PDB file of N, CA and C in Angstrom:
ATOM      1  N   UNK A   1      -3.531  10.745  10.271  1.00  0.00           N
ATOM      2  CA  UNK A   1      -2.625  11.073  11.016  1.00  0.00           C
ATOM      3  C   UNK A   1      -2.764  11.699  12.266  1.00  0.00           C
ATOM      4  N   UNK A   2      -3.827  12.588  12.334  1.00  0.00           N
ATOM      5  CA  UNK A   2      -4.071  13.366  13.559  1.00  0.00           C
ATOM      6  C   UNK A   2      -4.732  12.241  15.001  1.00  0.00           C
ATOM      7  N   UNK A   3      -5.493  11.329  14.918  1.00  0.00           N
ATOM      8  CA  UNK A   3      -5.856  10.890  15.853  1.00  0.00           C
ATOM      9  C   UNK A   3      -4.490   9.910  16.102  1.00  0.00           C
ATOM     10  N   UNK A   4      -3.771   9.287  15.685  1.00  0.00           N
ATOM     11  CA  UNK A   4      -2.320   8.729  15.816  1.00  0.00           C
ATOM     12  C   UNK A   4      -1.370   9.893  16.542  1.00  0.00           C
ATOM     13  N   UNK A   5      -1.245  10.907  16.118  1.00  0.00           N
ATOM     14  CA  UNK A   5      -0.324  11.770  16.717  1.00  0.00           C
ATOM     15  C   UNK A   5      -1.075  12.182  18.015  1.00  0.00           C
ATOM     16  N   UNK A   6      -2.328  12.218  18.424  1.00  0.00           N
ATOM     17  CA  UNK A   6      -2.945  12.747  19.718  1.00  0.00           C
ATOM     18  C   UNK A   6      -2.515  11.438  20.493  1.00  0.00           C
ATOM     19  N   UNK A   7      -3.158  10.394  19.635  1.00  0.00           N
ATOM     20  CA  UNK A   7      -2.512   9.235  20.892  1.00  0.00           C
ATOM     21  C   UNK A   7      -1.122   8.888  21.684  1.00  0.00           C
ATOM     22  N   UNK A   8      -0.264   9.226  20.758  1.00  0.00           N
ATOM     23  CA  UNK A   8       1.271   9.430  21.079  1.00  0.00           C
ATOM     24  C   UNK A   8       1.732  10.814  21.865  1.00  0.00           C
ATOM     25  N   UNK A   9       0.344  11.572  21.925  1.00  0.00           N
ATOM     26  CA  UNK A   9       0.972  12.877  22.583  1.00  0.00           C
ATOM     27  C   UNK A   9       1.987  13.383  22.082  1.00  0.00           C
ATOM     28  N   UNK A  10       1.922  13.913  20.535  1.00  0.00           N
ATOM     29  CA  UNK A  10       2.858  14.644  19.556  1.00  0.00           C
ATOM     30  C   UNK A  10       1.925  15.487  18.962  1.00  0.00           C
ATOM     31  N   UNK A  11       2.580  16.143  18.131  1.00  0.00           N
ATOM     32  CA  UNK A  11       1.719  17.006  17.080  1.00  0.00           C
ATOM     33  C   UNK A  11       1.749  16.567  15.838  1.00  0.00           C
ATOM     34  N   UNK A  12       0.642  16.370  15.019  1.00  0.00           N
ATOM     35  CA  UNK A  12       1.118  15.624  13.355  1.00  0.00           C
ATOM     36  C   UNK A  12       2.660  16.104  12.809  1.00  0.00           C
ATOM     37  N   UNK A  13       3.251  17.316  13.182  1.00  0.00           N
ATOM     38  CA  UNK A  13       4.515  17.302  12.470  1.00  0.00           C
ATOM     39  C   UNK A  13       5.465  16.892  12.909  1.00  0.00           C
ATOM     40  N   UNK A  14       5.598  16.588  14.376  1.00  0.00           N
ATOM     41  CA  UNK A  14       6.208  15.790  14.996  1.00  0.00           C
ATOM     42  C   UNK A  14       6.511  14.240  14.723  1.00  0.00           C
ATOM     43  N   UNK A  15       5.225  14.148  14.658  1.00  0.00           N
ATOM     44  CA  UNK A  15       5.267  12.277  14.104  1.00  0.00           C
ATOM     45  C   UNK A  15       5.266  12.071  12.554  1.00  0.00           C
ATOM     46  N   UNK A  16       5.162  12.959  11.632  1.00  0.00           N
ATOM     47  CA  UNK A  16       5.848  13.012  10.327  1.00  0.00           C
ATOM     48  C   UNK A  16       7.360  13.209  10.202  1.00  0.00           C
ATOM     49  N   UNK A  17       7.731  13.820  11.318  1.00  0.00           N
ATOM     50  CA  UNK A  17       9.424  13.826  11.387  1.00  0.00           C
ATOM     51  C   UNK A  17       9.788  12.464  11.708  1.00  0.00           C
ATOM     52  N   UNK A  18       9.169  12.016  13.098  1.00  0.00           N
ATOM     53  CA  UNK A  18       9.795  10.455  13.458  1.00  0.00           C
ATOM     54  C   UNK A  18       9.650   9.513  12.311  1.00  0.00           C
ATOM     55  N   UNK A  19       8.472   9.847  11.990  1.00  0.00           N
ATOM     56  CA  UNK A  19       8.119   8.521  10.830  1.00  0.00           C
ATOM     57  C   UNK A  19       9.176   8.925   9.667  1.00  0.00           C
ATOM     58  N   UNK A  20       9.378   9.726   9.457  1.00  0.00           N
ATOM     59  CA  UNK A  20      10.234  10.026   8.027  1.00  0.00           C
ATOM     60  C   UNK A  20      11.878   9.434   8.605  1.00  0.00           C
ATOM     61  N   UNK A  21      12.333   9.703   9.747  1.00  0.00           N
ATOM     62  CA  UNK A  21      13.445   9.563  10.115  1.00  0.00           C
ATOM     63  C   UNK A  21      13.555   8.312  10.374  1.00  0.00           C
ATOM     64  N   UNK A  22      12.444   7.550  11.168  1.00  0.00           N
ATOM     65  CA  UNK A  22      12.603   5.885  11.112  1.00  0.00           C
ATOM     66  C   UNK A  22      12.601   5.254   9.770  1.00  0.00           C
ATOM     67  N   UNK A  23      11.547   5.497   8.895  1.00  0.00           N
ATOM     68  CA  UNK A  23      11.573   4.795   7.673  1.00  0.00           C
ATOM     69  C   UNK A  23      12.140   5.377   6.577  1.00  0.00           C
ATOM     70  N   UNK A  24      12.670   6.353   6.594  1.00  0.00           N
ATOM     71  CA  UNK A  24      13.835   7.201   5.503  1.00  0.00           C
ATOM     72  C   UNK A  24      12.586   7.512   4.270  1.00  0.00           C
ATOM     73  N   UNK A  25      11.246   7.992   4.561  1.00  0.00           N
ATOM     74  CA  UNK A  25      10.343   8.030   3.846  1.00  0.00           C
ATOM     75  C   UNK A  25       9.227   8.921   4.099  1.00  0.00           C
ATOM     76  N   UNK A  26       8.755   9.576   3.415  1.00  0.00           N
ATOM     77  CA  UNK A  26       7.764  10.554   3.500  1.00  0.00           C
ATOM     78  C   UNK A  26       6.364   9.851   4.346  1.00  0.00           C
ATOM     79  N   UNK A  27       5.545  10.622   5.257  1.00  0.00           N
ATOM     80  CA  UNK A  27       4.551  10.006   5.464  1.00  0.00           C
ATOM     81  C   UNK A  27       3.531   9.358   4.233  1.00  0.00           C
ATOM     82  N   UNK A  28       3.265  10.068   3.136  1.00  0.00           N
ATOM     83  CA  UNK A  28       2.532   9.683   2.247  1.00  0.00           C
ATOM     84  C   UNK A  28       3.062   8.422   1.625  1.00  0.00           C
ATOM     85  N   UNK A  29       4.509   8.422   1.424  1.00  0.00           N
ATOM     86  CA  UNK A  29       5.109   7.099   0.139  1.00  0.00           C
ATOM     87  C   UNK A  29       5.146   6.291   1.452  1.00  0.00           C
ATOM     88  N   UNK A  30       5.135   6.305   2.826  1.00  0.00           N
ATOM     89  CA  UNK A  30       5.307   5.192   3.787  1.00  0.00           C
ATOM     90  C   UNK A  30       3.639   4.619   3.710  1.00  0.00           C
ATOM     91  N   UNK A  31       2.614   5.343   3.731  1.00  0.00           N
ATOM     92  CA  UNK A  31       1.143   4.895   3.458  1.00  0.00           C
ATOM     93  C   UNK A  31       1.004   4.087   2.281  1.00  0.00           C
ATOM     94  N   UNK A  32       1.355   4.784   1.373  1.00  0.00           N
ATOM     95  CA  UNK A  32       1.477   4.209  -0.394  1.00  0.00           C
ATOM     96  C   UNK A  32       1.955   3.047  -0.434  1.00  0.00           C
ATOM     97  N   UNK A  33       3.203   2.699   0.579  1.00  0.00           N
ATOM     98  CA  UNK A  33       3.917   1.416   0.428  1.00  0.00           C
ATOM     99  C   UNK A  33       3.201   0.368   1.174  1.00  0.00           C
ATOM    100  N   UNK A  34       3.028   0.697   2.268  1.00  0.00           N
ATOM    101  CA  UNK A  34       2.267  -0.017   3.348  1.00  0.00           C
ATOM    102  C   UNK A  34       0.729  -0.718   2.282  1.00  0.00           C
ATOM    103  N   UNK A  35       0.087   0.208   2.146  1.00  0.00           N
ATOM    104  CA  UNK A  35      -1.130  -0.200   1.287  1.00  0.00           C
ATOM    105  C   UNK A  35      -0.596  -1.296  -0.282  1.00  0.00           C
ATOM    106  N   UNK A  36       0.621  -1.025  -0.708  1.00  0.00           N
ATOM    107  CA  UNK A  36       0.938  -1.790  -1.691  1.00  0.00           C
ATOM    108  C   UNK A  36       1.091  -3.343  -1.175  1.00  0.00           C
ATOM    109  N   UNK A  37       1.973  -3.257  -0.095  1.00  0.00           N
ATOM    110  CA  UNK A  37       2.367  -4.416   0.520  1.00  0.00           C
ATOM    111  C   UNK A  37       0.849  -4.984   1.032  1.00  0.00           C
ATOM    112  N   UNK A  38      -0.355  -4.502   1.297  1.00  0.00           N
ATOM    113  CA  UNK A  38      -1.479  -5.189   1.783  1.00  0.00           C
ATOM    114  C   UNK A  38      -1.755  -6.277   0.328  1.00  0.00           C
ATOM    115  N   UNK A  39      -1.732  -5.108  -0.491  1.00  0.00           N
ATOM    116  CA  UNK A  39      -2.607  -5.686  -1.519  1.00  0.00           C
ATOM    117  C   UNK A  39      -1.747  -6.616  -2.415  1.00  0.00           C
ATOM    118  N   UNK A  40      -0.695  -6.562  -2.296  1.00  0.00           N
ATOM    119  CA  UNK A  40       0.705  -7.854  -2.879  1.00  0.00           C
ATOM    120  C   UNK A  40       0.269  -8.982  -2.047  1.00  0.00           C
ATOM    121  N   UNK A  41       0.446  -8.717  -0.974  1.00  0.00           N
ATOM    122  CA  UNK A  41      -0.260 -10.134  -0.250  1.00  0.00           C
ATOM    123  C   UNK A  41      -1.620 -10.611  -0.791  1.00  0.00           C
ATOM    124  N   UNK A  42      -2.514  -9.869  -0.537  1.00  0.00           N
ATOM    125  CA  UNK A  42      -3.798 -10.270  -0.862  1.00  0.00           C
ATOM    126  C   UNK A  42      -3.916 -10.740  -2.298  1.00  0.00           C
ATOM    127  N   UNK A  43      -3.158 -10.334  -3.564  1.00  0.00           N
ATOM    128  CA  UNK A  43      -2.924 -11.105  -4.635  1.00  0.00           C
ATOM    129  C   UNK A  43      -2.229 -12.078  -4.733  1.00  0.00           C
ATOM    130  N   UNK A  44      -1.473 -12.491  -3.954  1.00  0.00           N
ATOM    131  CA  UNK A  44      -0.291 -13.834  -3.593  1.00  0.00           C
ATOM    132  C   UNK A  44      -1.517 -14.810  -3.045  1.00  0.00           C
ATOM    133  N   UNK A  45      -2.109 -14.561  -1.896  1.00  0.00           N
ATOM    134  CA  UNK A  45      -3.028 -15.601  -1.238  1.00  0.00           C
ATOM    135  C   UNK A  45      -4.593 -15.435  -1.658  1.00  0.00           C
ATOM    136  N   UNK A  46      -4.984 -14.736  -2.248  1.00  0.00           N
ATOM    137  CA  UNK A  46      -6.396 -14.724  -2.465  1.00  0.00           C
ATOM    138  C   UNK A  46      -6.758 -14.869  -4.164  1.00  0.00           C
ATOM    139  N   UNK A  47      -8.468 -14.853  -4.059  1.00  0.00           N
ATOM    140  CA  UNK A  47      -8.501 -14.630  -5.580  1.00  0.00           C
ATOM    141  C   UNK A  47      -9.461 -13.537  -5.954  1.00  0.00           C
ATOM    142  N   UNK A  48      -9.674 -12.657  -4.836  1.00  0.00           N
ATOM    143  CA  UNK A  48     -10.057 -11.279  -4.563  1.00  0.00           C
ATOM    144  C   UNK A  48      -9.902 -10.685  -5.875  1.00  0.00           C
ATOM    145  N   UNK A  49     -11.155  -9.686  -6.632  1.00  0.00           N
ATOM    146  CA  UNK A  49     -10.808  -9.061  -8.099  1.00  0.00           C
ATOM    147  C   UNK A  49     -10.019  -7.683  -7.213  1.00  0.00           C
ATOM    148  N   UNK A  50      -9.392  -7.070  -8.399  1.00  0.00           N
ATOM    149  CA  UNK A  50      -8.707  -5.934  -8.333  1.00  0.00           C
ATOM    150  C   UNK A  50      -9.709  -4.737  -7.853  1.00  0.00           C
ATOM    151  N   UNK A  51     -10.976  -4.937  -7.877  1.00  0.00           N
ATOM    152  CA  UNK A  51     -11.558  -3.911  -7.387  1.00  0.00           C
ATOM    153  C   UNK A  51     -11.710  -3.947  -6.085  1.00  0.00           C
ATOM    154  N   UNK A  52     -11.913  -5.397  -5.447  1.00  0.00           N
ATOM    155  CA  UNK A  52     -11.847  -5.545  -4.019  1.00  0.00           C
ATOM    156  C   UNK A  52     -10.946  -5.236  -3.420  1.00  0.00           C
ATOM    157  N   UNK A  53      -9.749  -5.515  -4.118  1.00  0.00           N
ATOM    158  CA  UNK A  53      -8.321  -5.469  -3.258  1.00  0.00           C
ATOM    159  C   UNK A  53      -8.185  -3.564  -3.302  1.00  0.00           C
ATOM    160  N   UNK A  54      -8.633  -3.369  -4.102  1.00  0.00           N
ATOM    161  CA  UNK A  54      -8.434  -1.862  -3.976  1.00  0.00           C
ATOM    162  C   UNK A  54      -9.151  -1.228  -2.933  1.00  0.00           C
ATOM    163  N   UNK A  55     -10.610  -1.408  -2.839  1.00  0.00           N
ATOM    164  CA  UNK A  55     -11.005  -0.933  -1.636  1.00  0.00           C
ATOM    165  C   UNK A  55     -10.228  -1.664  -0.300  1.00  0.00           C
ATOM    166  N   UNK A  56     -10.040  -2.767  -0.531  1.00  0.00           N
ATOM    167  CA  UNK A  56      -9.744  -3.296   0.813  1.00  0.00           C
ATOM    168  C   UNK A  56      -8.339  -2.419   1.462  1.00  0.00           C
ATOM    169  N   UNK A  57      -7.229  -2.127   0.682  1.00  0.00           N
ATOM    170  CA  UNK A  57      -6.418  -1.287   0.392  1.00  0.00           C
ATOM    171  C   UNK A  57      -6.418  -0.130   0.866  1.00  0.00           C
ATOM    172  N   UNK A  58      -7.769   0.355   0.504  1.00  0.00           N
ATOM    173  CA  UNK A  58      -7.591   1.888   1.435  1.00  0.00           C
ATOM    174  C   UNK A  58      -8.037   2.945  -0.073  1.00  0.00           C
ATOM    175  N   UNK A  59      -7.990   2.447  -0.967  1.00  0.00           N
ATOM    176  CA  UNK A  59      -7.823   3.271  -2.241  1.00  0.00           C
ATOM    177  C   UNK A  59      -9.568   3.701  -2.683  1.00  0.00           C
ATOM    178  N   UNK A  60      -9.629   5.044  -2.908  1.00  0.00           N
ATOM    179  CA  UNK A  60     -10.717   5.368  -3.606  1.00  0.00           C
ATOM    180  C   UNK A  60     -11.584   4.564  -4.952  1.00  0.00           C
ATOM    181  N   UNK A  61     -10.476   4.660  -5.810  1.00  0.00           N
ATOM    182  CA  UNK A  61     -10.857   4.033  -6.914  1.00  0.00           C
ATOM    183  C   UNK A  61      -9.714   2.689  -7.330  1.00  0.00           C
ATOM    184  N   UNK A  62     -10.456   2.049  -8.279  1.00  0.00           N
ATOM    185  CA  UNK A  62      -9.636   0.905  -8.681  1.00  0.00           C
ATOM    186  C   UNK A  62      -8.420   1.761  -9.558  1.00  0.00           C
ATOM    187  N   UNK A  63      -8.536   2.895 -10.600  1.00  0.00           N
ATOM    188  CA  UNK A  63      -7.772   3.471 -11.520  1.00  0.00           C
ATOM    189  C   UNK A  63      -6.246   3.445 -10.354  1.00  0.00           C
ATOM    190  N   UNK A  64      -6.686   4.599  -9.742  1.00  0.00           N
ATOM    191  CA  UNK A  64      -5.702   4.926  -8.621  1.00  0.00           C
ATOM    192  C   UNK A  64      -4.494   3.786  -7.832  1.00  0.00           C
ATOM    193  N   UNK A  65      -5.511   2.704  -7.807  1.00  0.00           N
ATOM    194  CA  UNK A  65      -4.673   1.725  -7.132  1.00  0.00           C
ATOM    195  C   UNK A  65      -3.544   0.909  -8.107  1.00  0.00           C
ATOM    196  N   UNK A  66      -4.316   0.859  -8.998  1.00  0.00           N
ATOM    197  CA  UNK A  66      -3.296   0.277 -10.546  1.00  0.00           C
ATOM    198  C   UNK A  66      -2.119   0.949 -10.894  1.00  0.00           C
ATOM    199  N   UNK A  67      -2.462   1.962 -10.598  1.00  0.00           N
ATOM    200  CA  UNK A  67      -1.424   3.266 -10.959  1.00  0.00           C
ATOM    201  C   UNK A  67      -0.212   2.859 -10.315  1.00  0.00           C
ATOM    202  N   UNK A  68      -1.026   3.075  -8.536  1.00  0.00           N
ATOM    203  CA  UNK A  68       0.023   3.216  -7.347  1.00  0.00           C
ATOM    204  C   UNK A  68       0.700   1.457  -7.304  1.00  0.00           C
ATOM    205  N   UNK A  69      -0.047   0.750  -7.699  1.00  0.00           N
ATOM    206  CA  UNK A  69       0.742  -0.956  -7.862  1.00  0.00           C
ATOM    207  C   UNK A  69       1.713  -0.903  -9.177  1.00  0.00           C
ATOM    208  N   UNK A  70       1.460  -0.221 -10.043  1.00  0.00           N
ATOM    209  CA  UNK A  70       2.199  -0.367 -10.920  1.00  0.00           C
ATOM    210  C   UNK A  70       3.657   0.205 -10.747  1.00  0.00           C
ATOM    211  N   UNK A  71       3.064   1.438  -9.889  1.00  0.00           N
ATOM    212  CA  UNK A  71       4.835   2.130  -9.648  1.00  0.00           C
ATOM    213  C   UNK A  71       5.724   1.576  -8.640  1.00  0.00           C
ATOM    214  N   UNK A  72       4.603   0.788  -7.835  1.00  0.00           N
ATOM    215  CA  UNK A  72       5.816   0.088  -6.765  1.00  0.00           C
ATOM    216  C   UNK A  72       6.263  -1.174  -7.438  1.00  0.00           C
ATOM    217  N   UNK A  73       5.768  -2.117  -8.176  1.00  0.00           N
ATOM    218  CA  UNK A  73       5.920  -3.569  -8.812  1.00  0.00           C
ATOM    219  C   UNK A  73       6.688  -3.510 -10.282  1.00  0.00           C
ATOM    220  N   UNK A  74       6.236  -2.441 -11.201  1.00  0.00           N
ATOM    221  CA  UNK A  74       6.705  -2.155 -12.069  1.00  0.00           C
ATOM    222  C   UNK A  74       5.475  -3.076 -12.920  1.00  0.00           C
ATOM    223  N   UNK A  75       4.754  -3.641 -12.698  1.00  0.00           N
ATOM    224  CA  UNK A  75       3.592  -4.289 -13.244  1.00  0.00           C
ATOM    225  C   UNK A  75       2.108  -4.147 -12.945  1.00  0.00           C
ATOM    226  N   UNK A  76       1.264  -4.746 -13.529  1.00  0.00           N
ATOM    227  CA  UNK A  76      -0.327  -4.090 -13.271  1.00  0.00           C
ATOM    228  C   UNK A  76      -0.598  -5.331 -12.445  1.00  0.00           C
ATOM    229  N   UNK A  77      -1.459  -5.166 -11.688  1.00  0.00           N
ATOM    230  CA  UNK A  77      -1.957  -6.374 -10.294  1.00  0.00           C
ATOM    231  C   UNK A  77      -2.112  -7.375 -11.542  1.00  0.00           C
ATOM    232  N   UNK A  78      -2.859  -7.698 -12.349  1.00  0.00           N
ATOM    233  CA  UNK A  78      -3.414  -8.981 -12.670  1.00  0.00           C
ATOM    234  C   UNK A  78      -1.867  -9.741 -13.185  1.00  0.00           C
ATOM    235  N   UNK A  79      -1.196  -8.977 -13.814  1.00  0.00           N
ATOM    236  CA  UNK A  79       0.164  -9.119 -14.239  1.00  0.00           C
ATOM    237  C   UNK A  79       1.133  -9.785 -13.347  1.00  0.00           C
ATOM    238  N   UNK A  80       1.064  -9.400 -11.973  1.00  0.00           N
ATOM    239  CA  UNK A  80       1.752  -9.705 -10.754  1.00  0.00           C
ATOM    240  C   UNK A  80       0.841 -11.045 -10.667  1.00  0.00           C
ATOM    241  N   UNK A  81      -0.403 -10.916 -10.320  1.00  0.00           N
ATOM    242  CA  UNK A  81      -1.204 -12.435 -10.130  1.00  0.00           C
ATOM    243  C   UNK A  81      -0.559 -13.347 -10.996  1.00  0.00           C
ATOM    244  N   UNK A  82      -0.448 -13.257 -12.151  1.00  0.00           N
ATOM    245  CA  UNK A  82      -0.177 -14.535 -13.441  1.00  0.00           C
ATOM    246  C   UNK A  82       1.297 -14.819 -13.010  1.00  0.00           C
ATOM    247  N   UNK A  83       1.903 -13.805 -12.618  1.00  0.00           N
ATOM    248  CA  UNK A  83       3.625 -13.930 -12.300  1.00  0.00           C
ATOM    249  C   UNK A  83       3.644 -14.665 -11.141  1.00  0.00           C
ATOM    250  N   UNK A  84       2.957 -14.351  -9.882  1.00  0.00           N
ATOM    251  CA  UNK A  84       3.225 -15.288  -8.815  1.00  0.00           C
ATOM    252  C   UNK A  84       2.658 -16.831  -9.055  1.00  0.00           C
ATOM    253  N   UNK A  85       1.478 -16.516  -9.751  1.00  0.00           N
ATOM    254  CA  UNK A  85       1.006 -17.869  -9.937  1.00  0.00           C
ATOM    255  C   UNK A  85       2.125 -19.254 -10.795  1.00  0.00           C
ATOM    256  N   UNK A  86       2.468 -18.600 -11.934  1.00  0.00           N
ATOM    257  CA  UNK A  86       3.312 -19.337 -12.593  1.00  0.00           C
ATOM    258  C   UNK A  86       4.738 -19.518 -11.414  1.00  0.00           C
ATOM    259  N   UNK A  87       5.017 -18.579 -10.970  1.00  0.00           N
ATOM    260  CA  UNK A  87       6.054 -19.257  -9.925  1.00  0.00           C
ATOM    261  C   UNK A  87       5.902 -20.464  -8.869  1.00  0.00           C
ATOM    262  N   UNK A  88       4.659 -20.343  -9.223  1.00  0.00           N
ATOM    263  CA  UNK A  88       4.529 -21.214  -7.752  1.00  0.00           C
ATOM    264  C   UNK A  88       4.266 -22.871  -8.472  1.00  0.00           C
ATOM    265  N   UNK A  89       4.296 -22.871  -9.731  1.00  0.00           N
ATOM    266  CA  UNK A  89       3.816 -24.194 -10.289  1.00  0.00           C
ATOM    267  C   UNK A  89       5.469 -24.923 -10.413  1.00  0.00           C
TER     268      UNK A  89
END
């Protein structure tokens, strides 16, 4: 966030306030949601492993990715992939 704030000529705190006002989310929740959306799209369009998706979405480990994904979608990444594949048939 510091780099982005500097590029915009604002403080980190000001950037956080603007982001919360614009998105209705805290910066942490906003970033988690964006990571989730990126991973969800990859689950729908690729056959990458969950471990690879976790890394590409910016998660340090697969377990934290699985928890975050379940929190946002209500299902595990593997269950979500199966659900998407069943809907496409």
